[in-house]
Amino acid sequence: MTGVVYDVTGCWGEGAFRADTCASAWDTVLYLRDGECDVAVERVRNNDSFCGGGALTEQSSISAVVDAGSCFLTLDGRDADSCGNYVLDVQL
């Protein structure tokens, strides 16, 4: 599978980061990493099946406290059949 990687660079200090694909129509996976993109250490991986409200879904939601600077958010599909248009909501 080939995902989409976003370099999330901000002027914020340490704070809350949240991202979700709740409005997407296919089975998504989100990863949040810091460090260099090609040697990044995984910081948070969502459970791949939770989008709030206490219900299991095919969409993803992650949250973490991040340090100032950059992190990398990867959006991927759970399997080869998981692809298409997506809605990504990010809050810093």
N, C-alpha and C. Protein backbone atom coordinates (compact mmCIF):
# COMPACT_ATOMS: atom_id res chain seq x y z
N MET A 1 0.84 -1.19 0.00
CA MET A 1 0.00 0.00 0.00
C MET A 1 0.88 1.24 0.00
N THR A 2 0.42 2.25 -0.68
CA THR A 2 1.12 3.52 -0.71
C THR A 2 0.25 4.56 -0.05
N GLY A 3 0.79 5.21 0.96
CA GLY A 3 0.03 6.22 1.68
C GLY A 3 0.42 7.62 1.26
N VAL A 4 -0.22 8.57 1.89
CA VAL A 4 0.06 9.99 1.69
C VAL A 4 0.71 10.49 2.97
N VAL A 5 1.85 11.19 2.85
CA VAL A 5 2.56 11.70 4.02
C VAL A 5 2.50 13.22 4.01
N TYR A 6 2.07 13.80 5.13
CA TYR A 6 2.02 15.25 5.31
C TYR A 6 3.09 15.65 6.30
N ASP A 7 3.87 16.67 5.94
CA ASP A 7 4.84 17.27 6.86
C ASP A 7 4.09 18.36 7.60
N VAL A 8 3.79 18.13 8.87
CA VAL A 8 3.03 19.08 9.68
C VAL A 8 4.03 19.94 10.44
N THR A 9 4.32 21.10 9.89
CA THR A 9 5.28 22.02 10.49
C THR A 9 4.53 23.22 11.01
N GLY A 10 4.74 23.55 12.26
CA GLY A 10 4.01 24.67 12.82
C GLY A 10 4.86 25.54 13.70
N CYS A 11 4.29 26.65 14.07
CA CYS A 11 4.95 27.60 14.97
C CYS A 11 4.45 27.41 16.39
N TRP A 12 3.80 26.31 16.64
CA TRP A 12 3.22 26.09 17.95
C TRP A 12 4.27 25.55 18.92
N GLY A 13 3.98 25.70 20.17
CA GLY A 13 4.80 25.07 21.20
C GLY A 13 4.23 23.69 21.46
N GLU A 14 4.61 23.09 22.54
CA GLU A 14 4.06 21.79 22.90
C GLU A 14 2.56 21.92 23.02
N GLY A 15 1.84 20.98 22.47
CA GLY A 15 0.39 21.05 22.55
C GLY A 15 -0.30 19.85 21.95
N ALA A 16 -1.61 19.90 21.98
CA ALA A 16 -2.42 18.80 21.51
C ALA A 16 -2.50 18.78 19.99
N PHE A 17 -2.42 17.60 19.42
CA PHE A 17 -2.56 17.37 17.99
C PHE A 17 -3.64 16.32 17.82
N ARG A 18 -4.56 16.56 16.90
CA ARG A 18 -5.61 15.58 16.63
C ARG A 18 -5.84 15.52 15.13
N ALA A 19 -6.04 14.33 14.62
CA ALA A 19 -6.36 14.13 13.21
C ALA A 19 -7.35 12.98 13.09
N ASP A 20 -8.27 13.12 12.13
CA ASP A 20 -9.20 12.03 11.88
C ASP A 20 -9.62 11.98 10.41
N THR A 21 -10.12 10.84 10.02
CA THR A 21 -10.67 10.63 8.69
C THR A 21 -12.14 10.21 8.80
N CYS A 22 -12.82 10.71 9.79
CA CYS A 22 -14.19 10.29 10.10
C CYS A 22 -15.17 10.47 8.94
N ALA A 23 -14.94 11.45 8.07
CA ALA A 23 -15.85 11.70 6.96
C ALA A 23 -15.45 10.95 5.69
N SER A 24 -14.46 10.09 5.77
CA SER A 24 -14.02 9.31 4.61
C SER A 24 -14.88 8.07 4.46
N ALA A 25 -14.92 7.52 3.25
CA ALA A 25 -15.82 6.41 2.97
C ALA A 25 -15.12 5.06 2.88
N TRP A 26 -13.85 4.97 3.25
CA TRP A 26 -13.12 3.70 3.16
C TRP A 26 -12.27 3.50 4.40
N ASP A 27 -11.71 2.32 4.55
CA ASP A 27 -11.01 1.89 5.76
C ASP A 27 -9.61 2.52 5.81
N THR A 28 -9.43 3.52 6.67
CA THR A 28 -8.19 4.28 6.74
C THR A 28 -7.35 3.89 7.95
N VAL A 29 -6.06 4.25 7.87
CA VAL A 29 -5.11 4.11 8.97
C VAL A 29 -4.33 5.40 9.05
N LEU A 30 -4.13 5.94 10.25
CA LEU A 30 -3.32 7.14 10.44
C LEU A 30 -2.13 6.83 11.34
N TYR A 31 -0.98 7.40 11.00
CA TYR A 31 0.23 7.31 11.83
C TYR A 31 0.75 8.72 12.06
N LEU A 32 1.23 8.98 13.25
CA LEU A 32 1.88 10.25 13.56
C LEU A 32 3.30 9.94 14.00
N ARG A 33 4.28 10.56 13.32
CA ARG A 33 5.70 10.29 13.61
C ARG A 33 6.45 11.59 13.75
N ASP A 34 7.56 11.56 14.47
CA ASP A 34 8.43 12.73 14.50
C ASP A 34 9.82 12.31 14.04
N GLY A 35 10.70 13.27 13.81
CA GLY A 35 12.04 12.97 13.31
C GLY A 35 12.09 13.09 11.80
N GLU A 36 13.18 12.61 11.23
CA GLU A 36 13.33 12.62 9.78
C GLU A 36 12.33 11.64 9.17
N CYS A 37 11.72 12.02 8.06
CA CYS A 37 10.66 11.22 7.46
C CYS A 37 11.14 9.80 7.13
N ASP A 38 12.35 9.65 6.58
CA ASP A 38 12.80 8.33 6.17
C ASP A 38 13.31 7.47 7.32
N VAL A 39 13.58 8.08 8.47
CA VAL A 39 14.02 7.30 9.63
C VAL A 39 13.17 7.63 10.85
N ALA A 40 11.95 8.01 10.60
CA ALA A 40 11.07 8.48 11.68
C ALA A 40 10.74 7.37 12.67
N VAL A 41 10.62 7.76 13.90
CA VAL A 41 10.19 6.85 14.96
C VAL A 41 8.69 7.03 15.12
N GLU A 42 7.97 5.93 15.15
CA GLU A 42 6.52 6.02 15.29
C GLU A 42 6.19 6.55 16.67
N ARG A 43 5.37 7.58 16.72
CA ARG A 43 4.96 8.17 17.99
C ARG A 43 3.60 7.61 18.41
N VAL A 44 2.64 7.63 17.52
CA VAL A 44 1.28 7.18 17.81
C VAL A 44 0.77 6.43 16.59
N ARG A 45 0.10 5.34 16.83
CA ARG A 45 -0.65 4.70 15.75
C ARG A 45 -2.06 4.49 16.26
N ASN A 46 -3.02 4.88 15.48
CA ASN A 46 -4.39 4.72 15.94
C ASN A 46 -4.79 3.27 15.96
N ASN A 47 -5.98 3.01 16.47
CA ASN A 47 -6.45 1.64 16.52
C ASN A 47 -7.12 1.22 15.22
N ASP A 48 -7.12 2.10 14.22
CA ASP A 48 -7.61 1.80 12.87
C ASP A 48 -9.12 1.57 12.80
N SER A 49 -9.82 1.65 13.87
CA SER A 49 -11.25 1.34 13.81
C SER A 49 -12.06 2.16 14.80
N PHE A 50 -11.68 3.40 15.01
CA PHE A 50 -12.40 4.20 15.99
C PHE A 50 -12.44 5.65 15.55
N CYS A 51 -13.61 6.21 15.52
CA CYS A 51 -13.74 7.60 15.11
C CYS A 51 -14.61 8.37 16.09
N GLY A 52 -14.43 8.11 17.36
CA GLY A 52 -15.15 8.85 18.39
C GLY A 52 -16.55 8.30 18.63
N GLY A 53 -17.18 8.79 19.64
CA GLY A 53 -18.55 8.40 19.94
C GLY A 53 -18.70 6.99 20.50
N GLY A 54 -17.59 6.31 20.77
CA GLY A 54 -17.66 4.99 21.37
C GLY A 54 -17.98 3.86 20.40
N ALA A 55 -18.11 4.16 19.10
CA ALA A 55 -18.47 3.13 18.14
C ALA A 55 -17.27 2.74 17.29
N LEU A 56 -17.18 1.46 16.94
CA LEU A 56 -16.15 1.01 16.02
C LEU A 56 -16.54 1.40 14.60
N THR A 57 -15.59 1.92 13.85
CA THR A 57 -15.82 2.32 12.46
C THR A 57 -14.64 1.87 11.62
N GLU A 58 -14.69 2.12 10.33
CA GLU A 58 -13.54 1.84 9.46
C GLU A 58 -12.62 3.05 9.36
N GLN A 59 -13.02 4.18 9.90
CA GLN A 59 -12.21 5.38 9.82
C GLN A 59 -11.28 5.48 11.03
N SER A 60 -10.39 6.48 10.98
CA SER A 60 -9.33 6.57 11.98
C SER A 60 -9.33 7.89 12.71
N SER A 61 -8.84 7.87 13.94
CA SER A 61 -8.71 9.08 14.74
C SER A 61 -7.52 8.89 15.68
N ILE A 62 -6.62 9.88 15.70
CA ILE A 62 -5.49 9.83 16.62
C ILE A 62 -5.34 11.18 17.31
N SER A 63 -4.75 11.15 18.47
CA SER A 63 -4.42 12.39 19.18
C SER A 63 -3.15 12.16 19.98
N ALA A 64 -2.40 13.24 20.17
CA ALA A 64 -1.14 13.14 20.91
C ALA A 64 -0.74 14.54 21.36
N VAL A 65 0.12 14.60 22.35
CA VAL A 65 0.77 15.85 22.72
C VAL A 65 2.08 15.88 21.94
N VAL A 66 2.28 16.92 21.14
CA VAL A 66 3.47 17.00 20.29
C VAL A 66 4.36 18.16 20.74
N ASP A 67 5.66 17.99 20.50
CA ASP A 67 6.63 19.05 20.78
C ASP A 67 6.59 20.07 19.66
N ALA A 68 7.17 21.23 19.90
CA ALA A 68 7.28 22.25 18.86
C ALA A 68 8.09 21.71 17.70
N GLY A 69 7.76 22.13 16.50
CA GLY A 69 8.52 21.70 15.33
C GLY A 69 7.69 20.91 14.36
N SER A 70 8.31 19.91 13.75
CA SER A 70 7.66 19.12 12.71
C SER A 70 7.29 17.73 13.19
N CYS A 71 6.25 17.21 12.58
CA CYS A 71 5.93 15.81 12.70
C CYS A 71 5.37 15.37 11.35
N PHE A 72 5.27 14.08 11.15
CA PHE A 72 4.79 13.55 9.89
C PHE A 72 3.53 12.74 10.12
N LEU A 73 2.48 13.08 9.38
CA LEU A 73 1.21 12.39 9.47
C LEU A 73 1.04 11.57 8.20
N THR A 74 0.88 10.27 8.35
CA THR A 74 0.68 9.39 7.21
C THR A 74 -0.74 8.87 7.22
N LEU A 75 -1.40 8.99 6.06
CA LEU A 75 -2.73 8.44 5.86
C LEU A 75 -2.58 7.28 4.89
N ASP A 76 -3.11 6.12 5.27
CA ASP A 76 -2.96 4.93 4.46
C ASP A 76 -4.26 4.15 4.49
N GLY A 77 -4.35 3.15 3.64
CA GLY A 77 -5.49 2.24 3.65
C GLY A 77 -5.15 0.99 4.43
N ARG A 78 -6.16 0.38 5.01
CA ARG A 78 -5.93 -0.82 5.81
C ARG A 78 -5.45 -1.99 4.96
N ASP A 79 -5.92 -2.09 3.72
CA ASP A 79 -5.50 -3.16 2.82
C ASP A 79 -5.54 -2.65 1.38
N ALA A 80 -5.26 -3.52 0.42
CA ALA A 80 -5.16 -3.10 -0.98
C ALA A 80 -6.48 -2.57 -1.54
N ASP A 81 -7.60 -2.98 -0.97
CA ASP A 81 -8.91 -2.51 -1.44
C ASP A 81 -9.34 -1.21 -0.79
N SER A 82 -8.56 -0.70 0.16
CA SER A 82 -8.91 0.52 0.89
C SER A 82 -8.25 1.72 0.21
N CYS A 83 -9.01 2.39 -0.63
CA CYS A 83 -8.48 3.56 -1.32
C CYS A 83 -9.62 4.42 -1.82
N GLY A 84 -9.29 5.62 -2.25
CA GLY A 84 -10.30 6.53 -2.79
C GLY A 84 -10.14 7.92 -2.23
N ASN A 85 -11.15 8.74 -2.43
CA ASN A 85 -11.15 10.09 -1.89
C ASN A 85 -11.25 10.03 -0.37
N TYR A 86 -10.68 11.03 0.29
CA TYR A 86 -10.72 11.05 1.75
C TYR A 86 -10.91 12.47 2.25
N VAL A 87 -11.36 12.56 3.48
CA VAL A 87 -11.48 13.82 4.20
C VAL A 87 -10.59 13.71 5.43
N LEU A 88 -9.61 14.59 5.53
CA LEU A 88 -8.67 14.58 6.66
C LEU A 88 -8.87 15.85 7.46
N ASP A 89 -9.25 15.71 8.71
CA ASP A 89 -9.43 16.85 9.62
C ASP A 89 -8.28 16.86 10.61
N VAL A 90 -7.52 17.97 10.64
CA VAL A 90 -6.37 18.10 11.53
C VAL A 90 -6.56 19.31 12.42
N GLN A 91 -6.32 19.16 13.71
CA GLN A 91 -6.40 20.26 14.67
C GLN A 91 -5.12 20.32 15.48
N LEU A 92 -4.54 21.51 15.54
CA LEU A 92 -3.32 21.72 16.30
C LEU A 92 -3.63 22.58 17.50
